[in-house]
N, C-alpha and C. Protein backbone atom coordinates (compact mmCIF):
# COMPACT_ATOMS: atom_id res chain seq x y z
N MET A 1 -20.45 20.45 13.28
CA MET A 1 -19.29 19.63 12.11
C MET A 1 -19.17 20.72 11.26
N SER A 2 -17.75 20.54 10.72
CA SER A 2 -16.92 21.53 9.98
C SER A 2 -17.61 21.60 8.69
N ARG A 3 -17.92 22.59 7.84
CA ARG A 3 -18.45 22.62 6.55
C ARG A 3 -17.35 23.01 5.51
N ASN A 4 -16.06 23.25 6.10
CA ASN A 4 -15.02 23.59 5.05
C ASN A 4 -14.48 22.22 4.48
N VAL A 5 -14.89 22.12 3.25
CA VAL A 5 -14.65 20.96 2.47
C VAL A 5 -13.13 20.69 2.22
N ALA A 6 -12.38 21.80 2.22
CA ALA A 6 -10.97 21.76 1.65
C ALA A 6 -10.10 20.71 2.38
N TYR A 7 -10.47 20.46 3.81
CA TYR A 7 -9.69 19.60 4.49
C TYR A 7 -10.22 18.24 4.63
N ARG A 8 -11.41 18.04 4.02
CA ARG A 8 -12.05 16.70 4.07
C ARG A 8 -11.32 15.76 3.31
N ILE A 9 -11.35 14.60 3.92
CA ILE A 9 -10.88 13.16 3.29
C ILE A 9 -12.04 12.15 3.12
N TRP A 10 -11.84 11.34 2.26
CA TRP A 10 -12.72 10.16 2.25
C TRP A 10 -11.88 9.16 3.09
N VAL A 11 -12.71 8.43 4.11
CA VAL A 11 -12.28 7.43 4.61
C VAL A 11 -13.16 6.29 4.48
N ALA A 12 -12.72 4.91 4.88
CA ALA A 12 -13.24 3.70 4.42
C ALA A 12 -14.18 3.40 5.84
N ALA A 13 -15.43 2.90 5.76
CA ALA A 13 -16.00 2.31 6.59
C ALA A 13 -16.56 1.00 6.39
N SER A 14 -16.57 0.10 7.53
CA SER A 14 -16.91 -1.39 7.49
C SER A 14 -18.42 -1.24 7.97
N THR A 15 -19.33 -1.89 7.03
CA THR A 15 -20.81 -1.99 7.28
C THR A 15 -21.21 -3.41 7.82
N HIS A 16 -22.46 -3.40 8.55
CA HIS A 16 -22.77 -4.75 8.77
C HIS A 16 -23.34 -5.33 7.29
N GLN A 17 -23.46 -6.74 7.22
CA GLN A 17 -23.77 -7.24 6.01
C GLN A 17 -25.04 -6.67 5.40
N GLY A 18 -25.15 -6.37 4.26
CA GLY A 18 -26.25 -5.88 3.52
C GLY A 18 -26.94 -4.49 4.06
N LYS A 19 -26.32 -4.01 4.99
CA LYS A 19 -26.89 -2.70 5.47
C LYS A 19 -26.33 -1.53 5.13
N GLU A 20 -25.65 -1.61 3.85
CA GLU A 20 -25.05 -0.25 3.44
C GLU A 20 -26.10 0.68 3.07
N PRO A 21 -27.30 0.51 2.42
CA PRO A 21 -28.36 1.58 2.33
C PRO A 21 -28.97 1.91 3.60
N VAL A 22 -28.92 1.27 4.83
CA VAL A 22 -29.47 1.81 6.08
C VAL A 22 -28.26 2.59 6.56
N ALA A 23 -26.89 2.27 6.35
CA ALA A 23 -25.74 3.40 6.99
C ALA A 23 -25.81 4.46 6.36
N LEU A 24 -25.95 4.54 4.80
CA LEU A 24 -25.95 5.62 4.10
C LEU A 24 -27.19 6.81 4.51
N ALA A 25 -28.13 6.08 4.62
CA ALA A 25 -29.33 6.92 5.23
C ALA A 25 -29.08 7.63 6.43
N ASN A 26 -28.50 6.86 7.54
CA ASN A 26 -28.30 7.27 8.66
C ASN A 26 -27.10 8.40 8.71
N LEU A 27 -26.16 7.97 7.99
CA LEU A 27 -24.89 9.08 7.89
C LEU A 27 -25.49 10.41 7.41
N LYS A 28 -26.30 10.29 6.54
CA LYS A 28 -26.88 11.27 5.77
C LYS A 28 -27.59 12.36 6.94
N ASN A 29 -28.36 11.48 7.58
CA ASN A 29 -29.19 12.15 8.73
C ASN A 29 -28.37 12.87 9.66
N GLN A 30 -27.11 12.48 9.93
CA GLN A 30 -26.11 12.97 10.92
C GLN A 30 -25.28 14.09 10.21
N GLY A 31 -25.45 14.38 8.79
CA GLY A 31 -24.74 15.37 8.08
C GLY A 31 -23.30 14.92 7.52
N PHE A 32 -23.20 13.75 7.57
CA PHE A 32 -21.68 13.20 6.95
C PHE A 32 -22.01 12.70 5.50
N PRO A 33 -21.29 13.46 4.71
CA PRO A 33 -21.30 12.92 3.23
C PRO A 33 -20.90 11.51 2.85
N ALA A 34 -21.48 10.58 2.47
CA ALA A 34 -21.25 9.38 2.30
C ALA A 34 -21.47 8.61 1.05
N TYR A 35 -20.55 7.90 0.51
CA TYR A 35 -20.94 7.19 -1.15
C TYR A 35 -20.69 5.62 -0.91
N CYS A 36 -21.52 5.14 -1.38
CA CYS A 36 -21.27 3.22 -1.74
C CYS A 36 -21.43 3.42 -3.06
N PRO A 37 -20.60 3.06 -3.83
CA PRO A 37 -20.47 2.80 -5.22
C PRO A 37 -21.39 1.44 -5.74
N MET A 38 -22.26 1.66 -6.50
CA MET A 38 -23.09 0.42 -6.99
C MET A 38 -22.61 0.05 -8.24
N ILE A 39 -23.03 -1.30 -8.43
CA ILE A 39 -22.80 -1.91 -9.75
C ILE A 39 -24.15 -2.71 -10.04
N ARG A 40 -24.41 -2.96 -11.32
CA ARG A 40 -25.78 -3.61 -11.87
C ARG A 40 -25.43 -5.16 -11.87
N LYS A 41 -26.27 -5.86 -11.25
CA LYS A 41 -25.86 -7.53 -11.21
C LYS A 41 -27.32 -8.05 -11.75
N ARG A 42 -26.78 -9.20 -12.62
CA ARG A 42 -28.01 -9.98 -12.81
C ARG A 42 -28.33 -11.22 -11.87
N THR A 43 -29.46 -11.01 -11.54
CA THR A 43 -30.02 -12.38 -10.48
C THR A 43 -30.90 -13.01 -11.10
N ARG A 44 -30.96 -14.15 -10.72
CA ARG A 44 -32.05 -15.30 -11.26
C ARG A 44 -32.81 -15.75 -9.94
N HIS A 45 -34.25 -15.59 -10.14
CA HIS A 45 -35.05 -16.26 -9.23
C HIS A 45 -36.36 -16.75 -9.83
N ALA A 46 -36.58 -18.07 -9.41
CA ALA A 46 -37.70 -18.75 -10.18
C ALA A 46 -37.65 -18.66 -11.85
N ARG A 47 -36.49 -18.71 -12.15
CA ARG A 47 -36.29 -18.93 -13.84
C ARG A 47 -36.54 -17.48 -14.27
N ARG A 48 -36.63 -16.39 -13.39
CA ARG A 48 -36.77 -14.98 -14.20
C ARG A 48 -35.25 -14.34 -13.74
N GLN A 49 -34.79 -13.70 -14.72
CA GLN A 49 -33.56 -12.69 -14.40
C GLN A 49 -34.00 -11.34 -14.41
N ARG A 50 -33.37 -10.53 -13.59
CA ARG A 50 -33.62 -9.19 -13.55
C ARG A 50 -32.10 -8.65 -12.95
N GLU A 51 -32.05 -7.32 -13.32
CA GLU A 51 -30.77 -6.41 -12.83
C GLU A 51 -31.41 -5.84 -11.62
N VAL A 52 -30.19 -5.89 -10.53
CA VAL A 52 -30.36 -5.16 -9.36
C VAL A 52 -29.06 -4.50 -9.03
N LEU A 53 -29.25 -3.45 -8.36
CA LEU A 53 -28.06 -2.88 -7.69
C LEU A 53 -27.49 -3.29 -6.48
N ARG A 54 -26.20 -3.66 -6.74
CA ARG A 54 -25.57 -4.11 -5.89
C ARG A 54 -24.19 -3.36 -5.32
N PRO A 55 -23.37 -3.25 -3.93
CA PRO A 55 -22.44 -2.69 -3.54
C PRO A 55 -21.26 -3.16 -4.51
N LEU A 56 -20.30 -2.33 -5.08
CA LEU A 56 -19.15 -2.66 -5.86
C LEU A 56 -18.19 -3.34 -4.65
N PHE A 57 -18.20 -2.55 -3.41
CA PHE A 57 -17.36 -3.10 -2.51
C PHE A 57 -18.45 -3.66 -1.16
N PRO A 58 -18.73 -4.82 -1.50
CA PRO A 58 -19.97 -5.39 -0.30
C PRO A 58 -19.21 -5.04 1.01
N GLY A 59 -20.02 -4.54 1.89
CA GLY A 59 -19.36 -4.36 3.35
C GLY A 59 -18.79 -3.08 3.80
N TYR A 60 -18.48 -2.43 2.68
CA TYR A 60 -17.78 -1.17 2.83
C TYR A 60 -18.48 0.04 2.20
N LEU A 61 -18.12 1.34 2.61
CA LEU A 61 -18.55 2.46 1.95
C LEU A 61 -17.66 3.62 2.43
N PHE A 62 -17.79 4.66 1.73
CA PHE A 62 -16.90 6.00 2.03
C PHE A 62 -17.54 7.14 2.71
N ILE A 63 -16.96 7.88 3.56
CA ILE A 63 -17.19 8.68 4.49
C ILE A 63 -16.27 9.99 4.20
N ARG A 64 -16.95 11.09 4.04
CA ARG A 64 -16.12 12.14 3.86
C ARG A 64 -16.14 13.03 5.08
N LEU A 65 -14.94 13.27 5.75
CA LEU A 65 -14.87 14.13 7.08
C LEU A 65 -13.52 14.84 7.18
N ASP A 66 -13.45 15.66 8.20
CA ASP A 66 -12.12 16.16 8.58
C ASP A 66 -11.92 15.67 9.81
N PRO A 67 -11.12 14.89 10.11
CA PRO A 67 -10.95 14.05 11.24
C PRO A 67 -10.43 14.97 12.55
N LEU A 68 -9.63 16.04 12.21
CA LEU A 68 -9.44 17.06 13.12
C LEU A 68 -10.57 18.19 13.63
N ARG A 69 -11.51 18.10 12.90
CA ARG A 69 -12.64 19.23 13.22
C ARG A 69 -13.99 18.75 13.13
N ASP A 70 -14.13 17.66 12.55
CA ASP A 70 -15.56 16.80 12.60
C ASP A 70 -15.64 16.00 13.93
N GLN A 71 -16.80 15.92 14.56
CA GLN A 71 -17.17 15.05 15.60
C GLN A 71 -17.42 13.67 14.93
N TRP A 72 -16.50 12.95 14.75
CA TRP A 72 -16.69 11.56 14.02
C TRP A 72 -17.17 10.49 14.90
N ARG A 73 -16.96 10.47 16.16
CA ARG A 73 -16.94 9.40 17.01
C ARG A 73 -18.68 8.97 16.79
N PRO A 74 -19.63 9.80 16.76
CA PRO A 74 -20.90 9.31 16.58
C PRO A 74 -21.09 8.30 15.42
N ILE A 75 -20.43 8.27 14.49
CA ILE A 75 -20.30 7.40 13.44
C ILE A 75 -20.31 5.92 13.96
N LEU A 76 -19.36 5.73 14.83
CA LEU A 76 -19.17 4.41 15.18
C LEU A 76 -20.18 3.70 16.08
N SER A 77 -21.27 4.60 16.38
CA SER A 77 -22.67 4.03 16.84
C SER A 77 -23.83 4.10 15.95
N THR A 78 -23.35 4.60 14.71
CA THR A 78 -24.43 4.74 13.41
C THR A 78 -25.14 3.22 13.00
N MET A 79 -26.46 3.06 13.10
CA MET A 79 -27.07 1.84 12.70
C MET A 79 -26.49 1.64 11.14
N GLY A 80 -25.92 0.26 11.01
CA GLY A 80 -25.64 -0.18 9.87
C GLY A 80 -23.90 0.03 9.77
N ILE A 81 -23.35 0.82 10.46
CA ILE A 81 -21.84 0.78 10.46
C ILE A 81 -21.35 -0.11 11.55
N ARG A 82 -20.33 -0.98 11.11
CA ARG A 82 -19.76 -1.70 12.08
C ARG A 82 -18.28 -1.06 12.73
N THR A 83 -17.73 -0.29 11.93
CA THR A 83 -16.75 0.53 12.46
C THR A 83 -15.91 1.17 11.38
N LEU A 84 -15.00 2.19 11.53
CA LEU A 84 -14.47 2.89 10.55
C LEU A 84 -13.12 2.18 10.65
N ILE A 85 -12.44 1.88 9.36
CA ILE A 85 -11.24 1.54 8.99
C ILE A 85 -10.19 2.20 9.56
N ARG A 86 -9.26 1.74 10.64
CA ARG A 86 -8.19 2.39 11.06
C ARG A 86 -7.15 1.50 11.37
N PHE A 87 -5.99 2.11 11.23
CA PHE A 87 -4.69 1.18 11.40
C PHE A 87 -3.87 2.06 12.52
N GLY A 88 -4.27 1.58 13.68
CA GLY A 88 -3.71 2.04 14.96
C GLY A 88 -4.74 3.48 15.14
N ASP A 89 -3.97 4.59 15.23
CA ASP A 89 -4.80 5.78 15.62
C ASP A 89 -5.26 6.50 14.09
N ARG A 90 -4.84 5.93 13.10
CA ARG A 90 -4.83 6.61 11.76
C ARG A 90 -6.02 6.06 11.00
N PHE A 91 -6.74 6.68 10.25
CA PHE A 91 -7.95 6.16 9.21
C PHE A 91 -7.41 5.59 8.32
N GLY A 92 -8.31 4.80 7.62
CA GLY A 92 -7.79 4.10 6.45
C GLY A 92 -8.55 5.13 5.23
N ILE A 93 -7.52 5.88 4.99
CA ILE A 93 -7.82 7.00 4.02
C ILE A 93 -7.71 6.48 2.56
N VAL A 94 -8.85 6.85 1.92
CA VAL A 94 -8.87 6.41 0.40
C VAL A 94 -7.93 7.57 -0.45
N PRO A 95 -7.24 6.94 -1.34
CA PRO A 95 -6.32 7.77 -2.13
C PRO A 95 -7.33 8.81 -2.75
N GLN A 96 -6.62 10.04 -2.76
CA GLN A 96 -7.48 11.19 -3.26
C GLN A 96 -7.62 11.16 -4.55
N GLY A 97 -9.07 11.48 -5.16
CA GLY A 97 -9.47 11.32 -6.58
C GLY A 97 -10.41 9.97 -6.71
N PHE A 98 -9.97 8.95 -5.91
CA PHE A 98 -10.48 7.56 -6.01
C PHE A 98 -11.97 7.70 -6.23
N VAL A 99 -12.44 8.16 -5.14
CA VAL A 99 -14.10 8.33 -4.90
C VAL A 99 -14.55 9.34 -6.14
N GLU A 100 -14.07 10.27 -6.35
CA GLU A 100 -14.42 11.18 -7.30
C GLU A 100 -14.55 10.62 -8.85
N SER A 101 -13.52 9.63 -8.91
CA SER A 101 -13.31 9.07 -10.45
C SER A 101 -14.62 7.83 -10.54
N LEU A 102 -14.95 7.35 -9.32
CA LEU A 102 -15.95 6.41 -9.39
C LEU A 102 -17.27 7.24 -9.62
N GLN A 103 -17.60 8.21 -8.95
CA GLN A 103 -18.66 9.01 -8.97
C GLN A 103 -18.62 9.64 -10.59
N ALA A 104 -17.79 9.86 -10.94
CA ALA A 104 -17.61 10.52 -12.47
C ALA A 104 -18.07 9.31 -13.37
N ARG A 105 -17.89 8.19 -13.15
CA ARG A 105 -18.02 7.02 -14.13
C ARG A 105 -19.59 6.67 -13.98
N GLU A 106 -20.25 6.95 -12.94
CA GLU A 106 -21.49 6.61 -12.89
C GLU A 106 -22.46 6.64 -14.01
N GLU A 107 -23.21 5.62 -14.22
CA GLU A 107 -24.32 5.74 -15.38
C GLU A 107 -25.68 5.17 -14.50
N ASP A 108 -26.51 5.89 -14.68
CA ASP A 108 -27.75 5.67 -13.89
C ASP A 108 -27.47 5.14 -12.59
N ASN A 109 -26.87 5.71 -11.85
CA ASN A 109 -26.65 5.33 -10.24
C ASN A 109 -25.70 4.19 -10.21
N ALA A 110 -25.01 3.79 -11.01
CA ALA A 110 -24.21 2.57 -11.15
C ALA A 110 -22.98 2.80 -11.67
N VAL A 111 -21.81 2.22 -11.16
CA VAL A 111 -20.64 2.07 -11.88
C VAL A 111 -20.75 0.87 -13.05
N PRO A 112 -20.45 1.30 -14.28
CA PRO A 112 -20.48 -0.05 -15.08
C PRO A 112 -19.06 -0.47 -15.03
N LEU A 113 -19.32 -1.89 -15.02
CA LEU A 113 -18.20 -2.83 -15.08
C LEU A 113 -17.55 -2.95 -16.51
N PRO A 114 -16.37 -3.12 -16.38
CA PRO A 114 -15.57 -3.35 -17.86
C PRO A 114 -16.29 -4.24 -18.69
N ARG A 115 -16.48 -3.95 -19.94
CA ARG A 115 -17.06 -4.86 -21.06
C ARG A 115 -16.51 -6.08 -21.02
N PRO A 116 -17.34 -7.18 -21.34
CA PRO A 116 -16.41 -8.33 -21.64
C PRO A 116 -15.89 -8.43 -22.93
N ARG A 117 -14.72 -9.04 -23.09
CA ARG A 117 -13.94 -9.16 -24.25
C ARG A 117 -14.61 -9.95 -25.35
N ASP A 118 -14.31 -9.74 -26.55
CA ASP A 118 -15.06 -10.33 -27.87
C ASP A 118 -14.40 -11.87 -27.84
N ASN A 119 -13.17 -12.27 -27.44
CA ASN A 119 -12.55 -13.40 -27.56
C ASN A 119 -11.51 -13.79 -26.50
N TYR A 120 -11.30 -14.85 -26.21
CA TYR A 120 -10.39 -15.45 -25.48
C TYR A 120 -9.67 -16.73 -25.93
N ALA A 121 -8.19 -16.39 -25.57
CA ALA A 121 -7.38 -17.41 -26.25
C ALA A 121 -7.18 -18.72 -25.55
N PRO A 122 -7.16 -19.87 -25.96
CA PRO A 122 -6.86 -21.18 -25.41
C PRO A 122 -5.86 -20.89 -24.32
N GLY A 123 -6.08 -21.55 -23.18
CA GLY A 123 -4.87 -21.37 -21.89
C GLY A 123 -5.18 -20.09 -21.21
N GLU A 124 -5.90 -19.07 -21.62
CA GLU A 124 -5.92 -17.92 -20.74
C GLU A 124 -6.84 -17.98 -19.64
N GLN A 125 -6.53 -17.44 -18.48
CA GLN A 125 -7.33 -17.66 -17.19
C GLN A 125 -8.21 -16.65 -17.03
N VAL A 126 -9.54 -17.01 -16.78
CA VAL A 126 -10.87 -16.25 -16.67
C VAL A 126 -11.27 -16.35 -15.10
N ARG A 127 -12.12 -15.49 -14.74
CA ARG A 127 -12.90 -15.60 -13.53
C ARG A 127 -14.26 -15.80 -13.85
N LEU A 128 -15.00 -16.71 -13.43
CA LEU A 128 -16.68 -16.51 -13.64
C LEU A 128 -17.13 -15.63 -12.84
N ARG A 129 -18.03 -14.57 -13.31
CA ARG A 129 -18.38 -13.49 -12.75
C ARG A 129 -20.00 -13.49 -12.24
N GLU A 130 -20.55 -14.58 -12.55
CA GLU A 130 -22.08 -15.10 -12.24
C GLU A 130 -22.32 -16.36 -11.87
N GLY A 131 -23.48 -16.59 -11.42
CA GLY A 131 -24.01 -18.20 -11.22
C GLY A 131 -23.53 -18.93 -10.16
N PRO A 132 -23.62 -19.99 -9.87
CA PRO A 132 -23.31 -20.71 -8.84
C PRO A 132 -21.79 -20.99 -8.67
N LEU A 133 -21.25 -20.85 -9.78
CA LEU A 133 -19.58 -20.79 -9.92
C LEU A 133 -19.00 -19.44 -9.91
N GLU A 134 -19.47 -18.47 -9.46
CA GLU A 134 -19.10 -17.13 -9.29
C GLU A 134 -17.65 -17.16 -8.46
N GLY A 135 -16.87 -16.29 -9.41
CA GLY A 135 -15.30 -16.27 -8.33
C GLY A 135 -14.64 -17.21 -8.90
N ILE A 136 -14.88 -18.40 -9.43
CA ILE A 136 -14.02 -19.51 -9.67
C ILE A 136 -13.16 -19.39 -10.69
N VAL A 137 -11.85 -19.55 -10.89
CA VAL A 137 -10.93 -19.22 -11.84
C VAL A 137 -10.70 -20.50 -13.09
N ALA A 138 -10.87 -20.40 -13.88
CA ALA A 138 -10.63 -21.52 -14.84
C ALA A 138 -9.82 -21.00 -16.20
N SER A 139 -9.47 -22.15 -16.81
CA SER A 139 -8.74 -21.93 -18.22
C SER A 139 -9.66 -22.15 -19.47
N VAL A 140 -9.59 -21.16 -20.43
CA VAL A 140 -10.02 -21.48 -21.51
C VAL A 140 -9.45 -22.37 -22.53
N LEU A 141 -10.41 -23.37 -22.66
CA LEU A 141 -10.21 -24.59 -23.61
C LEU A 141 -10.38 -24.19 -25.06
N HIS A 142 -11.71 -23.71 -25.32
CA HIS A 142 -12.08 -23.14 -26.70
C HIS A 142 -12.99 -22.19 -26.56
N CYS A 143 -13.04 -21.30 -27.55
CA CYS A 143 -14.07 -20.37 -27.63
C CYS A 143 -14.74 -20.59 -29.05
N ASP A 144 -16.33 -20.87 -29.09
CA ASP A 144 -16.82 -21.03 -30.38
C ASP A 144 -17.44 -19.70 -30.96
N GLU A 145 -18.06 -19.83 -31.87
CA GLU A 145 -18.68 -18.69 -32.91
C GLU A 145 -19.69 -18.05 -32.11
N GLY A 146 -20.47 -18.83 -31.10
CA GLY A 146 -21.74 -18.42 -30.59
C GLY A 146 -21.32 -17.75 -29.28
N ALA A 147 -20.07 -17.29 -29.22
CA ALA A 147 -19.81 -16.61 -27.98
C ALA A 147 -19.80 -17.58 -26.72
N ARG A 148 -19.63 -18.71 -26.89
CA ARG A 148 -19.64 -19.70 -25.69
C ARG A 148 -18.00 -20.15 -25.54
N LEU A 149 -17.75 -20.26 -24.26
CA LEU A 149 -16.43 -20.64 -23.86
C LEU A 149 -16.32 -22.07 -23.41
N THR A 150 -15.64 -22.83 -23.49
CA THR A 150 -15.40 -24.31 -22.94
C THR A 150 -14.28 -23.96 -21.83
N LEU A 151 -14.40 -24.07 -20.92
CA LEU A 151 -13.48 -23.92 -19.75
C LEU A 151 -13.11 -25.20 -18.89
N LEU A 152 -12.11 -25.12 -18.40
CA LEU A 152 -11.31 -26.12 -17.61
C LEU A 152 -11.23 -25.61 -16.22
N MET A 153 -11.73 -26.32 -15.28
CA MET A 153 -11.52 -25.72 -13.86
C MET A 153 -11.55 -26.98 -12.89
N ASP A 154 -10.93 -26.58 -11.75
CA ASP A 154 -10.42 -27.58 -10.74
C ASP A 154 -11.81 -27.32 -9.73
N LEU A 155 -12.44 -28.44 -9.53
CA LEU A 155 -13.69 -28.34 -8.96
C LEU A 155 -13.77 -29.60 -8.16
N LEU A 156 -13.77 -29.59 -6.58
CA LEU A 156 -13.80 -30.76 -5.89
C LEU A 156 -12.72 -31.76 -6.13
N CYS A 157 -11.53 -30.89 -6.26
CA CYS A 157 -10.21 -31.76 -6.52
C CYS A 157 -10.29 -32.54 -7.80
N ARG A 158 -11.01 -32.04 -8.69
CA ARG A 158 -11.07 -32.85 -10.04
C ARG A 158 -11.20 -31.75 -11.23
N GLU A 159 -10.65 -32.28 -12.18
CA GLU A 159 -10.59 -31.31 -13.34
C GLU A 159 -11.97 -31.50 -14.04
N VAL A 160 -12.73 -30.37 -14.44
CA VAL A 160 -14.12 -30.36 -14.94
C VAL A 160 -14.28 -29.38 -16.05
N THR A 161 -14.79 -29.83 -17.18
CA THR A 161 -15.04 -28.83 -18.25
C THR A 161 -16.55 -28.40 -18.16
N VAL A 162 -16.63 -27.03 -18.26
CA VAL A 162 -17.94 -26.57 -18.42
C VAL A 162 -18.12 -25.42 -19.40
N LYS A 163 -19.21 -25.19 -19.66
CA LYS A 163 -19.55 -23.98 -20.81
C LYS A 163 -20.04 -22.83 -20.14
N ALA A 164 -19.69 -21.69 -20.51
CA ALA A 164 -20.08 -20.46 -20.20
C ALA A 164 -20.30 -19.35 -21.13
N SER A 165 -20.94 -18.41 -21.14
CA SER A 165 -21.14 -17.45 -21.90
C SER A 165 -19.96 -16.48 -21.83
N ILE A 166 -19.51 -15.91 -22.88
CA ILE A 166 -18.12 -15.07 -22.92
C ILE A 166 -18.52 -13.78 -22.18
N ASP A 167 -19.71 -13.14 -21.83
CA ASP A 167 -19.96 -12.21 -21.20
C ASP A 167 -19.99 -12.53 -19.62
N GLY A 168 -20.15 -13.86 -19.14
CA GLY A 168 -20.29 -14.43 -17.83
C GLY A 168 -18.75 -14.48 -17.33
N VAL A 169 -17.62 -13.91 -18.04
CA VAL A 169 -16.47 -14.28 -17.38
C VAL A 169 -15.61 -12.75 -17.61
N VAL A 170 -14.86 -12.77 -16.82
CA VAL A 170 -13.75 -11.41 -16.72
C VAL A 170 -12.38 -12.05 -16.63
N PRO A 171 -11.15 -11.60 -17.35
CA PRO A 171 -9.81 -12.03 -17.19
C PRO A 171 -9.43 -11.92 -15.66
N ALA A 172 -8.73 -12.93 -15.48
CA ALA A 172 -8.16 -13.34 -13.95
C ALA A 172 -7.02 -12.63 -13.71
């Protein structure tokens, strides 16, 4: 495998579900530099909360290689790797500087997510980022002084109001 970094690019690879750590370890053993950006996520289990590291892009990671010089085909049979992202014969190349900017932003092995805003205006669209309704988009009805939002969302074909913490949402 070529050690000349000047011609290497970052390509995207698809992993099997939840197998990013396995894929990273196996790629490292084969001599391929690989990176899977992680975020801190709050999880609940048995009424206890804890922070865990989860992939920023679940099911994907980045591999640095020189497609003309490196023997990249073994990556296709690496445990944890589903396939390399390709468009016909061309690799899914990650824009130059993207991976490096993620690595530069890391704090304690995790890329920090944008901080929640202090306030949201009525009518503004937000996306829930935790809990059983994670990913659902809602409209802000009201923001009280205790940093709680009253949200209006379409749930099971009905408009429903829910309360959410201001740090549990992001702008949609």
